[in-house]
PDB file of N, CA and C in Angstrom:
ATOM      1  N   MET A   1       1.545  58.658 -30.981  1.00  0.00           N
ATOM      2  CA  MET A   1       0.124  58.785 -31.187  1.00  0.00           C
ATOM      3  C   MET A   1      -0.168  60.209 -31.645  1.00  0.00           C
ATOM      4  N   LYS A   2      -0.980  60.347 -32.680  1.00  0.00           N
ATOM      5  CA  LYS A   2      -1.327  61.658 -33.215  1.00  0.00           C
ATOM      6  C   LYS A   2      -2.468  62.281 -32.414  1.00  0.00           C
ATOM      7  N   THR A   3      -2.589  63.585 -32.552  1.00  0.00           N
ATOM      8  CA  THR A   3      -3.611  64.323 -31.819  1.00  0.00           C
ATOM      9  C   THR A   3      -5.005  63.784 -32.104  1.00  0.00           C
ATOM     10  N   ASN A   4      -5.291  63.506 -33.357  1.00  0.00           N
ATOM     11  CA  ASN A   4      -6.617  62.977 -33.719  1.00  0.00           C
ATOM     12  C   ASN A   4      -6.891  61.652 -33.019  1.00  0.00           C
ATOM     13  N   GLU A   5      -5.884  60.816 -32.945  1.00  0.00           N
ATOM     14  CA  GLU A   5      -6.045  59.516 -32.286  1.00  0.00           C
ATOM     15  C   GLU A   5      -6.297  59.691 -30.789  1.00  0.00           C
ATOM     16  N   ILE A   6      -5.589  60.622 -30.192  1.00  0.00           N
ATOM     17  CA  ILE A   6      -5.785  60.882 -28.760  1.00  0.00           C
ATOM     18  C   ILE A   6      -7.202  61.359 -28.503  1.00  0.00           C
ATOM     19  N   ILE A   7      -7.661  62.297 -29.315  1.00  0.00           N
ATOM     20  CA  ILE A   7      -9.019  62.825 -29.145  1.00  0.00           C
ATOM     21  C   ILE A   7     -10.056  61.724 -29.330  1.00  0.00           C
ATOM     22  N   GLN A   8      -9.861  60.877 -30.316  1.00  0.00           N
ATOM     23  CA  GLN A   8     -10.800  59.777 -30.535  1.00  0.00           C
ATOM     24  C   GLN A   8     -10.829  58.827 -29.344  1.00  0.00           C
ATOM     25  N   GLU A   9      -9.674  58.548 -28.771  1.00  0.00           N
ATOM     26  CA  GLU A   9      -9.617  57.663 -27.603  1.00  0.00           C
ATOM     27  C   GLU A   9     -10.287  58.305 -26.393  1.00  0.00           C
ATOM     28  N   ILE A  10     -10.082  59.593 -26.219  1.00  0.00           N
ATOM     29  CA  ILE A  10     -10.724  60.294 -25.102  1.00  0.00           C
ATOM     30  C   ILE A  10     -12.237  60.277 -25.266  1.00  0.00           C
ATOM     31  N   GLN A  11     -12.699  60.447 -26.483  1.00  0.00           N
ATOM     32  CA  GLN A  11     -14.140  60.447 -26.736  1.00  0.00           C
ATOM     33  C   GLN A  11     -14.786  59.104 -26.421  1.00  0.00           C
ATOM     34  N   LYS A  12     -14.016  58.057 -26.433  1.00  0.00           N
ATOM     35  CA  LYS A  12     -14.539  56.729 -26.118  1.00  0.00           C
ATOM     36  C   LYS A  12     -14.722  56.520 -24.612  1.00  0.00           C
ATOM     37  N   LEU A  13     -14.089  57.366 -23.812  1.00  0.00           N
ATOM     38  CA  LEU A  13     -14.154  57.223 -22.363  1.00  0.00           C
ATOM     39  C   LEU A  13     -15.508  57.683 -21.822  1.00  0.00           C
ATOM     40  N   PRO A  14     -15.892  57.143 -20.661  1.00  0.00           N
ATOM     41  CA  PRO A  14     -17.098  57.667 -20.003  1.00  0.00           C
ATOM     42  C   PRO A  14     -16.863  59.125 -19.573  1.00  0.00           C
ATOM     43  N   ILE A  15     -17.934  59.854 -19.379  1.00  0.00           N
ATOM     44  CA  ILE A  15     -17.844  61.283 -19.081  1.00  0.00           C
ATOM     45  C   ILE A  15     -16.954  61.566 -17.879  1.00  0.00           C
ATOM     46  N   GLN A  16     -17.083  60.829 -16.801  1.00  0.00           N
ATOM     47  CA  GLN A  16     -16.276  61.071 -15.604  1.00  0.00           C
ATOM     48  C   GLN A  16     -14.787  60.951 -15.894  1.00  0.00           C
ATOM     49  N   LYS A  17     -14.411  59.967 -16.690  1.00  0.00           N
ATOM     50  CA  LYS A  17     -12.994  59.797 -17.024  1.00  0.00           C
ATOM     51  C   LYS A  17     -12.523  60.885 -17.984  1.00  0.00           C
ATOM     52  N   ARG A  18     -13.407  61.352 -18.869  1.00  0.00           N
ATOM     53  CA  ARG A  18     -13.053  62.455 -19.764  1.00  0.00           C
ATOM     54  C   ARG A  18     -12.787  63.720 -18.955  1.00  0.00           C
ATOM     55  N   ILE A  19     -13.653  63.974 -17.982  1.00  0.00           N
ATOM     56  CA  ILE A  19     -13.474  65.137 -17.126  1.00  0.00           C
ATOM     57  C   ILE A  19     -12.146  65.031 -16.373  1.00  0.00           C
ATOM     58  N   PHE A  20     -11.828  63.843 -15.884  1.00  0.00           N
ATOM     59  CA  PHE A  20     -10.571  63.622 -15.179  1.00  0.00           C
ATOM     60  C   PHE A  20      -9.379  63.942 -16.083  1.00  0.00           C
ATOM     61  N   VAL A  21      -9.428  63.474 -17.321  1.00  0.00           N
ATOM     62  CA  VAL A  21      -8.336  63.722 -18.280  1.00  0.00           C
ATOM     63  C   VAL A  21      -8.192  65.218 -18.533  1.00  0.00           C
ATOM     64  N   ILE A  22      -9.313  65.904 -18.706  1.00  0.00           N
ATOM     65  CA  ILE A  22      -9.282  67.350 -18.959  1.00  0.00           C
ATOM     66  C   ILE A  22      -8.701  68.089 -17.760  1.00  0.00           C
ATOM     67  N   GLU A  23      -9.130  67.721 -16.558  1.00  0.00           N
ATOM     68  CA  GLU A  23      -8.618  68.373 -15.355  1.00  0.00           C
ATOM     69  C   GLU A  23      -7.112  68.181 -15.210  1.00  0.00           C
ATOM     70  N   LYS A  24      -6.643  66.976 -15.467  1.00  0.00           N
ATOM     71  CA  LYS A  24      -5.203  66.711 -15.366  1.00  0.00           C
ATOM     72  C   LYS A  24      -4.425  67.498 -16.424  1.00  0.00           C
ATOM     73  N   ALA A  25      -4.975  67.588 -17.620  1.00  0.00           N
ATOM     74  CA  ALA A  25      -4.314  68.351 -18.679  1.00  0.00           C
ATOM     75  C   ALA A  25      -4.237  69.830 -18.301  1.00  0.00           C
ATOM     76  N   LEU A  26      -5.316  70.373 -17.740  1.00  0.00           N
ATOM     77  CA  LEU A  26      -5.317  71.771 -17.313  1.00  0.00           C
ATOM     78  C   LEU A  26      -4.324  72.015 -16.179  1.00  0.00           C
ATOM     79  N   GLN A  27      -4.255  71.085 -15.238  1.00  0.00           N
ATOM     80  CA  GLN A  27      -3.289  71.222 -14.149  1.00  0.00           C
ATOM     81  C   GLN A  27      -1.867  71.268 -14.690  1.00  0.00           C
ATOM     82  N   THR A  28      -1.588  70.430 -15.660  1.00  0.00           N
ATOM     83  CA  THR A  28      -0.260  70.401 -16.275  1.00  0.00           C
ATOM     84  C   THR A  28       0.041  71.727 -16.973  1.00  0.00           C
ATOM     85  N   LEU A  29      -0.947  72.249 -17.698  1.00  0.00           N
ATOM     86  CA  LEU A  29      -0.764  73.527 -18.390  1.00  0.00           C
ATOM     87  C   LEU A  29      -0.532  74.660 -17.402  1.00  0.00           C
ATOM     88  N   ARG A  30      -1.316  74.693 -16.323  1.00  0.00           N
ATOM     89  CA  ARG A  30      -1.159  75.748 -15.318  1.00  0.00           C
ATOM     90  C   ARG A  30       0.212  75.662 -14.655  1.00  0.00           C
ATOM     91  N   ARG A  31       0.620  74.453 -14.302  1.00  0.00           N
ATOM     92  CA  ARG A  31       1.919  74.266 -13.655  1.00  0.00           C
ATOM     93  C   ARG A  31       3.044  74.731 -14.579  1.00  0.00           C
ATOM     94  N   GLN A  32       2.964  74.357 -15.844  1.00  0.00           N
ATOM     95  CA  GLN A  32       3.985  74.757 -16.816  1.00  0.00           C
ATOM     96  C   GLN A  32       3.982  76.268 -17.004  1.00  0.00           C
ATOM     97  N   SER A  33       2.793  76.862 -17.061  1.00  0.00           N
ATOM     98  CA  SER A  33       2.676  78.308 -17.221  1.00  0.00           C
ATOM     99  C   SER A  33       3.285  79.030 -16.026  1.00  0.00           C
ATOM    100  N   ASN A  34       2.987  78.555 -14.820  1.00  0.00           N
ATOM    101  CA  ASN A  34       3.546  79.175 -13.611  1.00  0.00           C
ATOM    102  C   ASN A  34       5.059  79.066 -13.596  1.00  0.00           C
ATOM    103  N   THR A  35       5.570  77.907 -13.979  1.00  0.00           N
ATOM    104  CA  THR A  35       7.020  77.708 -14.013  1.00  0.00           C
ATOM    105  C   THR A  35       7.656  78.652 -15.023  1.00  0.00           C
ATOM    106  N   ASN A  36       7.044  78.775 -16.200  1.00  0.00           N
ATOM    107  CA  ASN A  36       7.582  79.674 -17.220  1.00  0.00           C
ATOM    108  C   ASN A  36       7.576  81.117 -16.736  1.00  0.00           C
ATOM    109  N   GLN A  37       6.489  81.532 -16.071  1.00  0.00           N
ATOM    110  CA  GLN A  37       6.403  82.898 -15.573  1.00  0.00           C
ATOM    111  C   GLN A  37       7.459  83.167 -14.505  1.00  0.00           C
ATOM    112  N   MET A  38       7.674  82.206 -13.620  1.00  0.00           N
ATOM    113  CA  MET A  38       8.693  82.381 -12.582  1.00  0.00           C
ATOM    114  C   MET A  38      10.086  82.450 -13.190  1.00  0.00           C
ATOM    115  N   ASN A  39      10.351  81.627 -14.197  1.00  0.00           N
ATOM    116  CA  ASN A  39      11.664  81.660 -14.862  1.00  0.00           C
ATOM    117  C   ASN A  39      11.894  82.989 -15.561  1.00  0.00           C
ATOM    118  N   LEU A  40      10.871  83.507 -16.223  1.00  0.00           N
ATOM    119  CA  LEU A  40      10.999  84.804 -16.896  1.00  0.00           C
ATOM    120  C   LEU A  40      11.243  85.920 -15.885  1.00  0.00           C
ATOM    121  N   ALA A  41      10.519  85.879 -14.768  1.00  0.00           N
ATOM    122  CA  ALA A  41      10.705  86.895 -13.730  1.00  0.00           C
ATOM    123  C   ALA A  41      12.110  86.820 -13.154  1.00  0.00           C
ATOM    124  N   ALA A  42      12.604  85.621 -12.915  1.00  0.00           N
ATOM    125  CA  ALA A  42      13.958  85.455 -12.380  1.00  0.00           C
ATOM    126  C   ALA A  42      14.999  85.980 -13.364  1.00  0.00           C
ATOM    127  N   ASP A  43      14.804  85.690 -14.628  1.00  0.00           N
ATOM    128  CA  ASP A  43      15.735  86.196 -15.649  1.00  0.00           C
ATOM    129  C   ASP A  43      15.719  87.717 -15.697  1.00  0.00           C
ATOM    130  N   ASP A  44      14.516  88.305 -15.608  1.00  0.00           N
ATOM    131  CA  ASP A  44      14.402  89.760 -15.649  1.00  0.00           C
ATOM    132  C   ASP A  44      15.111  90.419 -14.466  1.00  0.00           C
ATOM    133  N   LEU A  45      15.033  89.790 -13.308  1.00  0.00           N
ATOM    134  CA  LEU A  45      15.603  90.398 -12.104  1.00  0.00           C
ATOM    135  C   LEU A  45      17.081  90.071 -11.880  1.00  0.00           C
ATOM    136  N   PHE A  46      17.606  89.116 -12.614  1.00  0.00           N
ATOM    137  CA  PHE A  46      18.980  88.679 -12.408  1.00  0.00           C
ATOM    138  C   PHE A  46      19.982  89.826 -12.588  1.00  0.00           C
ATOM    139  N   ALA A  47      19.874  90.518 -13.692  1.00  0.00           N
ATOM    140  CA  ALA A  47      20.809  91.627 -13.959  1.00  0.00           C
ATOM    141  C   ALA A  47      20.623  92.740 -12.936  1.00  0.00           C
ATOM    142  N   GLU A  48      19.389  93.040 -12.587  1.00  0.00           N
ATOM    143  CA  GLU A  48      19.116  94.088 -11.598  1.00  0.00           C
ATOM    144  C   GLU A  48      19.731  93.733 -10.248  1.00  0.00           C
ATOM    145  N   TYR A  49      19.624  92.494  -9.867  1.00  0.00           N
ATOM    146  CA  TYR A  49      20.157  92.040  -8.587  1.00  0.00           C
ATOM    147  C   TYR A  49      21.678  92.228  -8.523  1.00  0.00           C
ATOM    148  N   HIS A  50      22.354  91.938  -9.624  1.00  0.00           N
ATOM    149  CA  HIS A  50      23.814  92.049  -9.638  1.00  0.00           C
ATOM    150  C   HIS A  50      24.310  93.484  -9.802  1.00  0.00           C
ATOM    151  N   SER A  51      23.500  94.343 -10.397  1.00  0.00           N
ATOM    152  CA  SER A  51      23.974  95.705 -10.645  1.00  0.00           C
ATOM    153  C   SER A  51      23.498  96.709  -9.598  1.00  0.00           C
ATOM    154  N   ASN A  52      22.421  96.418  -8.892  1.00  0.00           N
ATOM    155  CA  ASN A  52      21.867  97.358  -7.928  1.00  0.00           C
ATOM    156  C   ASN A  52      22.295  96.959  -6.517  1.00  0.00           C
ATOM    157  N   LYS A  53      23.267  97.671  -5.990  1.00  0.00           N
ATOM    158  CA  LYS A  53      23.820  97.331  -4.673  1.00  0.00           C
ATOM    159  C   LYS A  53      22.809  97.529  -3.547  1.00  0.00           C
ATOM    160  N   GLU A  54      21.792  98.330  -3.768  1.00  0.00           N
ATOM    161  CA  GLU A  54      20.764  98.519  -2.739  1.00  0.00           C
ATOM    162  C   GLU A  54      19.999  97.228  -2.465  1.00  0.00           C
ATOM    163  N   LEU A  55      19.933  96.366  -3.446  1.00  0.00           N
ATOM    164  CA  LEU A  55      19.216  95.094  -3.262  1.00  0.00           C
ATOM    165  C   LEU A  55      20.007  94.099  -2.428  1.00  0.00           C
ATOM    166  N   THR A  56      21.314  94.297  -2.345  1.00  0.00           N
ATOM    167  CA  THR A  56      22.153  93.337  -1.622  1.00  0.00           C
ATOM    168  C   THR A  56      22.853  93.944  -0.415  1.00  0.00           C
ATOM    169  N   VAL A  57      22.426  95.144  -0.006  1.00  0.00           N
ATOM    170  CA  VAL A  57      23.108  95.844   1.074  1.00  0.00           C
ATOM    171  C   VAL A  57      23.115  95.029   2.369  1.00  0.00           C
ATOM    172  N   PHE A  58      22.059  94.293   2.653  1.00  0.00           N
ATOM    173  CA  PHE A  58      21.997  93.543   3.904  1.00  0.00           C
ATOM    174  C   PHE A  58      22.798  92.238   3.877  1.00  0.00           C
ATOM    175  N   THR A  59      23.275  91.833   2.733  1.00  0.00           N
ATOM    176  CA  THR A  59      24.101  90.624   2.692  1.00  0.00           C
ATOM    177  C   THR A  59      25.438  90.856   3.376  1.00  0.00           C
ATOM    178  N   ASN A  60      25.820  92.115   3.575  1.00  0.00           N
ATOM    179  CA  ASN A  60      27.045  92.418   4.316  1.00  0.00           C
ATOM    180  C   ASN A  60      26.940  91.933   5.756  1.00  0.00           C
ATOM    181  N   LEU A  61      25.739  91.788   6.256  1.00  0.00           N
ATOM    182  CA  LEU A  61      25.523  91.364   7.635  1.00  0.00           C
ATOM    183  C   LEU A  61      25.416  89.848   7.787  1.00  0.00           C
ATOM    184  N   ASP A  62      25.516  89.120   6.711  1.00  0.00           N
ATOM    185  CA  ASP A  62      25.305  87.671   6.747  1.00  0.00           C
ATOM    186  C   ASP A  62      26.205  86.940   7.731  1.00  0.00           C
ATOM    187  N   PHE A  63      27.422  87.359   7.887  1.00  0.00           N
ATOM    188  CA  PHE A  63      28.357  86.625   8.729  1.00  0.00           C
ATOM    189  C   PHE A  63      28.560  87.250  10.112  1.00  0.00           C
ATOM    190  N   GLU A  64      27.764  88.260  10.430  1.00  0.00           N
ATOM    191  CA  GLU A  64      27.864  88.877  11.745  1.00  0.00           C
ATOM    192  C   GLU A  64      26.973  88.120  12.731  1.00  0.00           C
ATOM    193  N   ASP A  65      27.353  88.150  13.985  1.00  0.00           N
ATOM    194  CA  ASP A  65      26.552  87.507  15.014  1.00  0.00           C
ATOM    195  C   ASP A  65      25.240  88.271  15.184  1.00  0.00           C
ATOM    196  N   PHE A  66      24.209  87.510  15.443  1.00  0.00           N
ATOM    197  CA  PHE A  66      22.879  88.094  15.621  1.00  0.00           C
ATOM    198  C   PHE A  66      22.402  87.785  17.035  1.00  0.00           C
ATOM    199  N   TYR A  67      21.981  88.807  17.729  1.00  0.00           N
ATOM    200  CA  TYR A  67      21.464  88.630  19.081  1.00  0.00           C
ATOM    201  C   TYR A  67      20.048  89.190  19.130  1.00  0.00           C
ATOM    202  N   GLU A  68      19.147  88.374  19.599  1.00  0.00           N
ATOM    203  CA  GLU A  68      17.757  88.800  19.697  1.00  0.00           C
ATOM    204  C   GLU A  68      17.578  89.748  20.866  1.00  0.00           C
ATOM    205  N   ALA A  69      16.930  90.868  20.630  1.00  0.00           N
ATOM    206  CA  ALA A  69      16.652  91.831  21.711  1.00  0.00           C
ATOM    207  C   ALA A  69      15.399  91.386  22.438  1.00  0.00           C
ATOM    208  N   ARG A  70      15.466  91.350  23.756  1.00  0.00           N
ATOM    209  CA  ARG A  70      14.293  90.931  24.537  1.00  0.00           C
ATOM    210  C   ARG A  70      13.855  92.046  25.430  1.00  0.00           C
TER     211      ARG A  70
END
């Protein structure tokens, strides 16, 4: 279906259903935008994480026993 056809079909809908379609389309765009931003941020930090030992200094403690102080 072409864009023009989709728009024509949406225009045939009652106002409430048109609003629903618009809201769902915006939600999809926001979700995709957030996902893209998170992926870009992860890519940017990937090299830093592997090269900067200060970011991983506490991983040395991962296998040590932990006792809660009371």
